[in-house]
Amino acid sequence: YLDSNKITTPLPNCLANFCFMARKDNVDLGGVAPSQYRSKM
């Protein structure tokens, strides 16, 4: 999502952008905007 929208700051790998999540859940949510994956939660 960040790459497709050319968002580079703060860095995508900053600590504030990480969470613990099962790999399956991460795959299910996909690489879309949070507003889009919210409906899957």
ModelCIF file with pLDDT and N, C-alpha, C, O atoms, coordinates in Angstrom:
data_MODEL
#
_entry.id   MODEL 
#
_entity.id                         1 
_entity.type                       polymer 
_entity.pdbx_number_of_molecules   1 
#
_entity_poly.entity_id                      1 
_entity_poly.type                           'polypeptide(L)' 
_entity_poly.nstd_linkage                   no 
_entity_poly.nstd_monomer                   no 
_entity_poly.pdbx_seq_one_letter_code       YLDSNKITTPLPNCLANFCFMARKDNVDLGGVAPSQYRSKM 
_entity_poly.pdbx_seq_one_letter_code_can   YLDSNKITTPLPNCLANFCFMARKDNVDLGGVAPSQYRSKM 
_entity_poly.pdbx_strand_id                 A 
#
loop_
_entity_poly_seq.entity_id 
_entity_poly_seq.num 
_entity_poly_seq.mon_id 
_entity_poly_seq.hetero 
1 1  TYR n 
1 2  LEU n 
1 3  ASP n 
1 4  SER n 
1 5  ASN n 
1 6  LYS n 
1 7  ILE n 
1 8  THR n 
1 9  THR n 
1 10 PRO n 
1 11 LEU n 
1 12 PRO n 
1 13 ASN n 
1 14 CYS n 
1 15 LEU n 
1 16 ALA n 
1 17 ASN n 
1 18 PHE n 
1 19 CYS n 
1 20 PHE n 
1 21 MET n 
1 22 ALA n 
1 23 ARG n 
1 24 LYS n 
1 25 ASP n 
1 26 ASN n 
1 27 VAL n 
1 28 ASP n 
1 29 LEU n 
1 30 GLY n 
1 31 GLY n 
1 32 VAL n 
1 33 ALA n 
1 34 PRO n 
1 35 SER n 
1 36 GLN n 
1 37 TYR n 
1 38 ARG n 
1 39 SER n 
1 40 LYS n 
1 41 MET n 
#
_struct_asym.id          A 
_struct_asym.entity_id   1 
#
loop_
_ma_qa_metric.id 
_ma_qa_metric.mode 
_ma_qa_metric.name 
_ma_qa_metric.software_group_id 
_ma_qa_metric.type 
1 global pLDDT . pLDDT 
2 local  pLDDT . pLDDT 
#
_ma_qa_metric_global.metric_id      1 
_ma_qa_metric_global.metric_value   91.76 
_ma_qa_metric_global.model_id       1 
_ma_qa_metric_global.ordinal_id     1 
#
loop_
_ma_qa_metric_local.label_asym_id 
_ma_qa_metric_local.label_comp_id 
_ma_qa_metric_local.label_seq_id 
_ma_qa_metric_local.metric_id 
_ma_qa_metric_local.metric_value 
_ma_qa_metric_local.model_id 
_ma_qa_metric_local.ordinal_id 
A TYR 1  2 94.00 1 1  
A LEU 2  2 96.00 1 2  
A ASP 3  2 94.00 1 3  
A SER 4  2 94.00 1 4  
A ASN 5  2 94.00 1 5  
A LYS 6  2 94.00 1 6  
A ILE 7  2 93.00 1 7  
A THR 8  2 89.00 1 8  
A THR 9  2 90.00 1 9  
A PRO 10 2 92.00 1 10 
A LEU 11 2 93.00 1 11 
A PRO 12 2 92.00 1 12 
A ASN 13 2 93.00 1 13 
A CYS 14 2 95.00 1 14 
A LEU 15 2 95.00 1 15 
A ALA 16 2 97.00 1 16 
A ASN 17 2 96.00 1 17 
A PHE 18 2 94.00 1 18 
A CYS 19 2 92.00 1 19 
A PHE 20 2 89.00 1 20 
A MET 21 2 87.00 1 21 
A ALA 22 2 86.00 1 22 
A ARG 23 2 87.00 1 23 
A LYS 24 2 88.00 1 24 
A ASP 25 2 87.00 1 25 
A ASN 26 2 88.00 1 26 
A VAL 27 2 89.00 1 27 
A ASP 28 2 87.00 1 28 
A LEU 29 2 85.00 1 29 
A GLY 30 2 85.00 1 30 
A GLY 31 2 90.00 1 31 
A VAL 32 2 94.00 1 32 
A ALA 33 2 95.00 1 33 
A PRO 34 2 96.00 1 34 
A SER 35 2 96.00 1 35 
A GLN 36 2 95.00 1 36 
A TYR 37 2 94.00 1 37 
A ARG 38 2 94.00 1 38 
A SER 39 2 92.00 1 39 
A LYS 40 2 91.00 1 40 
A MET 41 2 90.00 1 41 
#
loop_
_atom_site.group_PDB 
_atom_site.id 
_atom_site.type_symbol 
_atom_site.label_atom_id 
_atom_site.label_alt_id 
_atom_site.label_comp_id 
_atom_site.label_asym_id 
_atom_site.label_entity_id 
_atom_site.label_seq_id 
_atom_site.pdbx_PDB_ins_code 
_atom_site.Cartn_x 
_atom_site.Cartn_y 
_atom_site.Cartn_z 
_atom_site.occupancy 
_atom_site.B_iso_or_equiv 
_atom_site.pdbx_formal_charge 
_atom_site.auth_seq_id 
_atom_site.auth_comp_id 
_atom_site.auth_asym_id 
_atom_site.auth_atom_id 
_atom_site.pdbx_PDB_model_num 
ATOM 1   N N  . TYR A 1 1  ? 0.835   -1.202  0.000  1.00 94.00 ? 1  TYR A N  1 
ATOM 2   C CA . TYR A 1 1  ? 0.000   0.000   0.000  1.00 94.00 ? 1  TYR A CA 1 
ATOM 3   C C  . TYR A 1 1  ? 0.872   1.256   0.000  1.00 94.00 ? 1  TYR A C  1 
ATOM 4   O O  . TYR A 1 1  ? 0.648   2.178   -0.784 1.00 94.00 ? 1  TYR A O  1 
ATOM 5   N N  . LEU A 1 2  ? 1.875   1.280   0.893  1.00 96.00 ? 2  LEU A N  1 
ATOM 6   C CA . LEU A 1 2  ? 2.753   2.451   0.970  1.00 96.00 ? 2  LEU A CA 1 
ATOM 7   C C  . LEU A 1 2  ? 3.507   2.645   -0.342 1.00 96.00 ? 2  LEU A C  1 
ATOM 8   O O  . LEU A 1 2  ? 3.620   3.769   -0.831 1.00 96.00 ? 2  LEU A O  1 
ATOM 9   N N  . ASP A 1 3  ? 4.019   1.564   -0.910 1.00 94.00 ? 3  ASP A N  1 
ATOM 10  C CA . ASP A 1 3  ? 4.759   1.659   -2.177 1.00 94.00 ? 3  ASP A CA 1 
ATOM 11  C C  . ASP A 1 3  ? 3.861   2.150   -3.310 1.00 94.00 ? 3  ASP A C  1 
ATOM 12  O O  . ASP A 1 3  ? 4.263   3.006   -4.098 1.00 94.00 ? 3  ASP A O  1 
ATOM 13  N N  . SER A 1 4  ? 2.652   1.611   -3.391 1.00 94.00 ? 4  SER A N  1 
ATOM 14  C CA . SER A 1 4  ? 1.764   1.996   -4.493 1.00 94.00 ? 4  SER A CA 1 
ATOM 15  C C  . SER A 1 4  ? 1.316   3.450   -4.390 1.00 94.00 ? 4  SER A C  1 
ATOM 16  O O  . SER A 1 4  ? 0.957   4.066   -5.394 1.00 94.00 ? 4  SER A O  1 
ATOM 17  N N  . ASN A 1 5  ? 1.336   3.992   -3.187 1.00 94.00 ? 5  ASN A N  1 
ATOM 18  C CA . ASN A 1 5  ? 0.967   5.394   -2.983 1.00 94.00 ? 5  ASN A CA 1 
ATOM 19  C C  . ASN A 1 5  ? 2.185   6.300   -2.828 1.00 94.00 ? 5  ASN A C  1 
ATOM 20  O O  . ASN A 1 5  ? 2.060   7.480   -2.501 1.00 94.00 ? 5  ASN A O  1 
ATOM 21  N N  . LYS A 1 6  ? 3.361   5.728   -3.067 1.00 94.00 ? 6  LYS A N  1 
ATOM 22  C CA . LYS A 1 6  ? 4.623   6.468   -3.016 1.00 94.00 ? 6  LYS A CA 1 
ATOM 23  C C  . LYS A 1 6  ? 4.839   7.172   -1.667 1.00 94.00 ? 6  LYS A C  1 
ATOM 24  O O  . LYS A 1 6  ? 5.350   8.291   -1.611 1.00 94.00 ? 6  LYS A O  1 
ATOM 25  N N  . ILE A 1 7  ? 4.440   6.494   -0.588 1.00 93.00 ? 7  ILE A N  1 
ATOM 26  C CA . ILE A 1 7  ? 4.633   7.016   0.759  1.00 93.00 ? 7  ILE A CA 1 
ATOM 27  C C  . ILE A 1 7  ? 5.943   6.443   1.287  1.00 93.00 ? 7  ILE A C  1 
ATOM 28  O O  . ILE A 1 7  ? 6.088   5.229   1.430  1.00 93.00 ? 7  ILE A O  1 
ATOM 29  N N  . THR A 1 8  ? 6.880   7.314   1.572  1.00 89.00 ? 8  THR A N  1 
ATOM 30  C CA . THR A 1 8  ? 8.197   6.847   1.996  1.00 89.00 ? 8  THR A CA 1 
ATOM 31  C C  . THR A 1 8  ? 8.614   7.348   3.374  1.00 89.00 ? 8  THR A C  1 
ATOM 32  O O  . THR A 1 8  ? 9.603   6.872   3.932  1.00 89.00 ? 8  THR A O  1 
ATOM 33  N N  . THR A 1 9  ? 7.870   8.305   3.930  1.00 90.00 ? 9  THR A N  1 
ATOM 34  C CA . THR A 1 9  ? 8.212   8.796   5.264  1.00 90.00 ? 9  THR A CA 1 
ATOM 35  C C  . THR A 1 9  ? 6.963   8.827   6.131  1.00 90.00 ? 9  THR A C  1 
ATOM 36  O O  . THR A 1 9  ? 5.885   9.169   5.646  1.00 90.00 ? 9  THR A O  1 
ATOM 37  N N  . PRO A 1 10 ? 7.089   8.482   7.382  1.00 92.00 ? 10 PRO A N  1 
ATOM 38  C CA . PRO A 1 10 ? 8.213   7.803   7.996  1.00 92.00 ? 10 PRO A CA 1 
ATOM 39  C C  . PRO A 1 10 ? 8.500   6.479   7.280  1.00 92.00 ? 10 PRO A C  1 
ATOM 40  O O  . PRO A 1 10 ? 7.657   5.958   6.550  1.00 92.00 ? 10 PRO A O  1 
ATOM 41  N N  . LEU A 1 11 ? 9.689   5.958   7.501  1.00 93.00 ? 11 LEU A N  1 
ATOM 42  C CA . LEU A 1 11 ? 10.080  4.728   6.828  1.00 93.00 ? 11 LEU A CA 1 
ATOM 43  C C  . LEU A 1 11 ? 9.079   3.605   7.094  1.00 93.00 ? 11 LEU A C  1 
ATOM 44  O O  . LEU A 1 11 ? 8.622   3.449   8.227  1.00 93.00 ? 11 LEU A O  1 
ATOM 45  N N  . PRO A 1 12 ? 8.731   2.825   6.077  1.00 92.00 ? 12 PRO A N  1 
ATOM 46  C CA . PRO A 1 12 ? 7.761   1.734   6.249  1.00 92.00 ? 12 PRO A CA 1 
ATOM 47  C C  . PRO A 1 12 ? 8.158   0.722   7.321  1.00 92.00 ? 12 PRO A C  1 
ATOM 48  O O  . PRO A 1 12 ? 7.296   0.094   7.935  1.00 92.00 ? 12 PRO A O  1 
ATOM 49  N N  . ASN A 1 13 ? 9.469   0.564   7.546  1.00 93.00 ? 13 ASN A N  1 
ATOM 50  C CA . ASN A 1 13 ? 9.922   -0.418  8.529  1.00 93.00 ? 13 ASN A CA 1 
ATOM 51  C C  . ASN A 1 13 ? 10.162  0.175   9.911  1.00 93.00 ? 13 ASN A C  1 
ATOM 52  O O  . ASN A 1 13 ? 10.861  -0.429  10.724 1.00 93.00 ? 13 ASN A O  1 
ATOM 53  N N  . CYS A 1 14 ? 9.595   1.347   10.193 1.00 95.00 ? 14 CYS A N  1 
ATOM 54  C CA . CYS A 1 14 ? 9.759   1.914   11.530 1.00 95.00 ? 14 CYS A CA 1 
ATOM 55  C C  . CYS A 1 14 ? 8.960   1.081   12.534 1.00 95.00 ? 14 CYS A C  1 
ATOM 56  O O  . CYS A 1 14 ? 7.954   0.464   12.181 1.00 95.00 ? 14 CYS A O  1 
ATOM 57  N N  . LEU A 1 15 ? 9.412   1.071   13.769 1.00 95.00 ? 15 LEU A N  1 
ATOM 58  C CA . LEU A 1 15 ? 8.793   0.247   14.811 1.00 95.00 ? 15 LEU A CA 1 
ATOM 59  C C  . LEU A 1 15 ? 7.296   0.516   14.952 1.00 95.00 ? 15 LEU A C  1 
ATOM 60  O O  . LEU A 1 15 ? 6.523   -0.411  15.196 1.00 95.00 ? 15 LEU A O  1 
ATOM 61  N N  . ALA A 1 16 ? 6.886   1.755   14.803 1.00 97.00 ? 16 ALA A N  1 
ATOM 62  C CA . ALA A 1 16 ? 5.469   2.097   14.967 1.00 97.00 ? 16 ALA A CA 1 
ATOM 63  C C  . ALA A 1 16 ? 4.580   1.451   13.910 1.00 97.00 ? 16 ALA A C  1 
ATOM 64  O O  . ALA A 1 16 ? 3.362   1.411   14.085 1.00 97.00 ? 16 ALA A O  1 
ATOM 65  N N  . ASN A 1 17 ? 5.143   0.954   12.837 1.00 96.00 ? 17 ASN A N  1 
ATOM 66  C CA . ASN A 1 17 ? 4.347   0.337   11.779 1.00 96.00 ? 17 ASN A CA 1 
ATOM 67  C C  . ASN A 1 17 ? 4.333   -1.188  11.869 1.00 96.00 ? 17 ASN A C  1 
ATOM 68  O O  . ASN A 1 17 ? 3.883   -1.854  10.937 1.00 96.00 ? 17 ASN A O  1 
ATOM 69  N N  . PHE A 1 18 ? 4.815   -1.742  12.966 1.00 94.00 ? 18 PHE A N  1 
ATOM 70  C CA . PHE A 1 18 ? 4.827   -3.202  13.115 1.00 94.00 ? 18 PHE A CA 1 
ATOM 71  C C  . PHE A 1 18 ? 3.883   -3.654  14.207 1.00 94.00 ? 18 PHE A C  1 
ATOM 72  O O  . PHE A 1 18 ? 3.635   -2.941  15.179 1.00 94.00 ? 18 PHE A O  1 
ATOM 73  N N  . CYS A 1 19 ? 3.361   -4.860  14.024 1.00 92.00 ? 19 CYS A N  1 
ATOM 74  C CA . CYS A 1 19 ? 2.546   -5.502  15.046 1.00 92.00 ? 19 CYS A CA 1 
ATOM 75  C C  . CYS A 1 19 ? 2.784   -7.006  14.981 1.00 92.00 ? 19 CYS A C  1 
ATOM 76  O O  . CYS A 1 19 ? 3.349   -7.517  14.013 1.00 92.00 ? 19 CYS A O  1 
ATOM 77  N N  . PHE A 1 20 ? 2.349   -7.701  16.016 1.00 89.00 ? 20 PHE A N  1 
ATOM 78  C CA . PHE A 1 20 ? 2.364   -9.154  16.016 1.00 89.00 ? 20 PHE A CA 1 
ATOM 79  C C  . PHE A 1 20 ? 1.061   -9.608  15.389 1.00 89.00 ? 20 PHE A C  1 
ATOM 80  O O  . PHE A 1 20 ? -0.018  -9.164  15.783 1.00 89.00 ? 20 PHE A O  1 
ATOM 81  N N  . MET A 1 21 ? 1.165   -10.486 14.422 1.00 87.00 ? 21 MET A N  1 
ATOM 82  C CA . MET A 1 21 ? -0.030  -10.991 13.750 1.00 87.00 ? 21 MET A CA 1 
ATOM 83  C C  . MET A 1 21 ? 0.324   -12.328 13.109 1.00 87.00 ? 21 MET A C  1 
ATOM 84  O O  . MET A 1 21 ? 1.418   -12.502 12.573 1.00 87.00 ? 21 MET A O  1 
ATOM 85  N N  . ALA A 1 22 ? -0.598  -13.252 13.170 1.00 86.00 ? 22 ALA A N  1 
ATOM 86  C CA . ALA A 1 22 ? -0.381  -14.536 12.516 1.00 86.00 ? 22 ALA A CA 1 
ATOM 87  C C  . ALA A 1 22 ? -0.233  -14.324 11.011 1.00 86.00 ? 22 ALA A C  1 
ATOM 88  O O  . ALA A 1 22 ? -0.913  -13.487 10.418 1.00 86.00 ? 22 ALA A O  1 
ATOM 89  N N  . ARG A 1 23 ? 0.644   -15.079 10.422 1.00 87.00 ? 23 ARG A N  1 
ATOM 90  C CA . ARG A 1 23 ? 0.900   -14.957 8.983  1.00 87.00 ? 23 ARG A CA 1 
ATOM 91  C C  . ARG A 1 23 ? -0.385  -15.124 8.180  1.00 87.00 ? 23 ARG A C  1 
ATOM 92  O O  . ARG A 1 23 ? -0.611  -14.387 7.220  1.00 87.00 ? 23 ARG A O  1 
ATOM 93  N N  . LYS A 1 24 ? -1.228  -16.081 8.559  1.00 88.00 ? 24 LYS A N  1 
ATOM 94  C CA . LYS A 1 24 ? -2.484  -16.310 7.835  1.00 88.00 ? 24 LYS A CA 1 
ATOM 95  C C  . LYS A 1 24 ? -3.365  -15.061 7.870  1.00 88.00 ? 24 LYS A C  1 
ATOM 96  O O  . LYS A 1 24 ? -3.934  -14.667 6.852  1.00 88.00 ? 24 LYS A O  1 
ATOM 97  N N  . ASP A 1 25 ? -3.475  -14.445 9.044  1.00 87.00 ? 25 ASP A N  1 
ATOM 98  C CA . ASP A 1 25 ? -4.278  -13.218 9.153  1.00 87.00 ? 25 ASP A CA 1 
ATOM 99  C C  . ASP A 1 25 ? -3.700  -12.111 8.283  1.00 87.00 ? 25 ASP A C  1 
ATOM 100 O O  . ASP A 1 25 ? -4.442  -11.373 7.635  1.00 87.00 ? 25 ASP A O  1 
ATOM 101 N N  . ASN A 1 26 ? -2.391  -11.999 8.269  1.00 88.00 ? 26 ASN A N  1 
ATOM 102 C CA . ASN A 1 26 ? -1.741  -10.987 7.451  1.00 88.00 ? 26 ASN A CA 1 
ATOM 103 C C  . ASN A 1 26 ? -2.048  -11.206 5.968  1.00 88.00 ? 26 ASN A C  1 
ATOM 104 O O  . ASN A 1 26 ? -2.347  -10.258 5.242  1.00 88.00 ? 26 ASN A O  1 
ATOM 105 N N  . VAL A 1 27 ? -1.971  -12.451 5.533  1.00 89.00 ? 27 VAL A N  1 
ATOM 106 C CA . VAL A 1 27 ? -2.265  -12.767 4.126  1.00 89.00 ? 27 VAL A CA 1 
ATOM 107 C C  . VAL A 1 27 ? -3.731  -12.477 3.823  1.00 89.00 ? 27 VAL A C  1 
ATOM 108 O O  . VAL A 1 27 ? -4.052  -11.927 2.769  1.00 89.00 ? 27 VAL A O  1 
ATOM 109 N N  . ASP A 1 28 ? -4.624  -12.847 4.748  1.00 87.00 ? 28 ASP A N  1 
ATOM 110 C CA . ASP A 1 28 ? -6.057  -12.603 4.546  1.00 87.00 ? 28 ASP A CA 1 
ATOM 111 C C  . ASP A 1 28 ? -6.373  -11.111 4.411  1.00 87.00 ? 28 ASP A C  1 
ATOM 112 O O  . ASP A 1 28 ? -7.225  -10.719 3.613  1.00 87.00 ? 28 ASP A O  1 
ATOM 113 N N  . LEU A 1 29 ? -5.674  -10.282 5.202  1.00 85.00 ? 29 LEU A N  1 
ATOM 114 C CA . LEU A 1 29 ? -5.933  -8.842  5.134  1.00 85.00 ? 29 LEU A CA 1 
ATOM 115 C C  . LEU A 1 29 ? -5.398  -8.237  3.849  1.00 85.00 ? 29 LEU A C  1 
ATOM 116 O O  . LEU A 1 29 ? -5.965  -7.274  3.333  1.00 85.00 ? 29 LEU A O  1 
ATOM 117 N N  . GLY A 1 30 ? -4.327  -8.787  3.334  1.00 85.00 ? 30 GLY A N  1 
ATOM 118 C CA . GLY A 1 30 ? -3.789  -8.329  2.048  1.00 85.00 ? 30 GLY A CA 1 
ATOM 119 C C  . GLY A 1 30 ? -3.025  -7.032  2.153  1.00 85.00 ? 30 GLY A C  1 
ATOM 120 O O  . GLY A 1 30 ? -2.930  -6.449  3.234  1.00 85.00 ? 30 GLY A O  1 
ATOM 121 N N  . GLY A 1 31 ? -2.484  -6.578  1.054  1.00 90.00 ? 31 GLY A N  1 
ATOM 122 C CA . GLY A 1 31 ? -1.644  -5.388  1.008  1.00 90.00 ? 31 GLY A CA 1 
ATOM 123 C C  . GLY A 1 31 ? -2.403  -4.132  0.660  1.00 90.00 ? 31 GLY A C  1 
ATOM 124 O O  . GLY A 1 31 ? -1.944  -3.321  -0.144 1.00 90.00 ? 31 GLY A O  1 
ATOM 125 N N  . VAL A 1 32 ? -3.562  -3.969  1.263  1.00 94.00 ? 32 VAL A N  1 
ATOM 126 C CA . VAL A 1 32 ? -4.416  -2.824  0.947  1.00 94.00 ? 32 VAL A CA 1 
ATOM 127 C C  . VAL A 1 32 ? -4.398  -1.812  2.087  1.00 94.00 ? 32 VAL A C  1 
ATOM 128 O O  . VAL A 1 32 ? -3.806  -2.059  3.137  1.00 94.00 ? 32 VAL A O  1 
ATOM 129 N N  . ALA A 1 33 ? -5.036  -0.696  1.877  1.00 95.00 ? 33 ALA A N  1 
ATOM 130 C CA . ALA A 1 33 ? -5.133  0.350   2.894  1.00 95.00 ? 33 ALA A CA 1 
ATOM 131 C C  . ALA A 1 33 ? -5.860  -0.183  4.125  1.00 95.00 ? 33 ALA A C  1 
ATOM 132 O O  . ALA A 1 33 ? -6.745  -1.030  4.005  1.00 95.00 ? 33 ALA A O  1 
ATOM 133 N N  . PRO A 1 34 ? -5.489  0.310   5.315  1.00 96.00 ? 34 PRO A N  1 
ATOM 134 C CA . PRO A 1 34 ? -6.187  -0.107  6.520  1.00 96.00 ? 34 PRO A CA 1 
ATOM 135 C C  . PRO A 1 34 ? -7.709  0.091   6.454  1.00 96.00 ? 34 PRO A C  1 
ATOM 136 O O  . PRO A 1 34 ? -8.458  -0.731  6.982  1.00 96.00 ? 34 PRO A O  1 
ATOM 137 N N  . SER A 1 35 ? -8.164  1.157   5.819  1.00 96.00 ? 35 SER A N  1 
ATOM 138 C CA . SER A 1 35 ? -9.615  1.370   5.714  1.00 96.00 ? 35 SER A CA 1 
ATOM 139 C C  . SER A 1 35 ? -10.280 0.246   4.922  1.00 96.00 ? 35 SER A C  1 
ATOM 140 O O  . SER A 1 35 ? -11.452 -0.062  5.140  1.00 96.00 ? 35 SER A O  1 
ATOM 141 N N  . GLN A 1 36 ? -9.536  -0.362  4.008  1.00 95.00 ? 36 GLN A N  1 
ATOM 142 C CA . GLN A 1 36 ? -10.080 -1.466  3.221  1.00 95.00 ? 36 GLN A CA 1 
ATOM 143 C C  . GLN A 1 36 ? -10.036 -2.776  3.996  1.00 95.00 ? 36 GLN A C  1 
ATOM 144 O O  . GLN A 1 36 ? -11.002 -3.538  3.966  1.00 95.00 ? 36 GLN A O  1 
ATOM 145 N N  . TYR A 1 37 ? -8.931  -3.056  4.694  1.00 94.00 ? 37 TYR A N  1 
ATOM 146 C CA . TYR A 1 37 ? -8.884  -4.328  5.420  1.00 94.00 ? 37 TYR A CA 1 
ATOM 147 C C  . TYR A 1 37 ? -9.705  -4.298  6.705  1.00 94.00 ? 37 TYR A C  1 
ATOM 148 O O  . TYR A 1 37 ? -9.948  -5.347  7.301  1.00 94.00 ? 37 TYR A O  1 
ATOM 149 N N  . ARG A 1 38 ? -10.133 -3.125  7.139  1.00 94.00 ? 38 ARG A N  1 
ATOM 150 C CA . ARG A 1 38 ? -10.976 -3.011  8.339  1.00 94.00 ? 38 ARG A CA 1 
ATOM 151 C C  . ARG A 1 38 ? -12.238 -3.862  8.208  1.00 94.00 ? 38 ARG A C  1 
ATOM 152 O O  . ARG A 1 38 ? -12.689 -4.440  9.197  1.00 94.00 ? 38 ARG A O  1 
ATOM 153 N N  . SER A 1 39 ? -12.808 -3.951  7.029  1.00 92.00 ? 39 SER A N  1 
ATOM 154 C CA . SER A 1 39 ? -14.051 -4.714  6.830  1.00 92.00 ? 39 SER A CA 1 
ATOM 155 C C  . SER A 1 39 ? -13.842 -6.212  7.012  1.00 92.00 ? 39 SER A C  1 
ATOM 156 O O  . SER A 1 39 ? -14.813 -6.950  7.179  1.00 92.00 ? 39 SER A O  1 
ATOM 157 N N  . LYS A 1 40 ? -12.610 -6.669  6.982  1.00 91.00 ? 40 LYS A N  1 
ATOM 158 C CA . LYS A 1 40 ? -12.313 -8.094  7.180  1.00 91.00 ? 40 LYS A CA 1 
ATOM 159 C C  . LYS A 1 40 ? -12.055 -8.433  8.644  1.00 91.00 ? 40 LYS A C  1 
ATOM 160 O O  . LYS A 1 40 ? -11.807 -9.588  8.991  1.00 91.00 ? 40 LYS A O  1 
ATOM 161 N N  . MET A 1 41 ? -12.117 -7.423  9.485  1.00 90.00 ? 41 MET A N  1 
ATOM 162 C CA . MET A 1 41 ? -11.856 -7.611  10.912 1.00 90.00 ? 41 MET A CA 1 
ATOM 163 C C  . MET A 1 41 ? -13.177 -7.685  11.675 1.00 90.00 ? 41 MET A C  1 
ATOM 164 O O  . MET A 1 41 ? -13.176 -7.842  12.896 1.00 90.00 ? 41 MET A O  1 
#
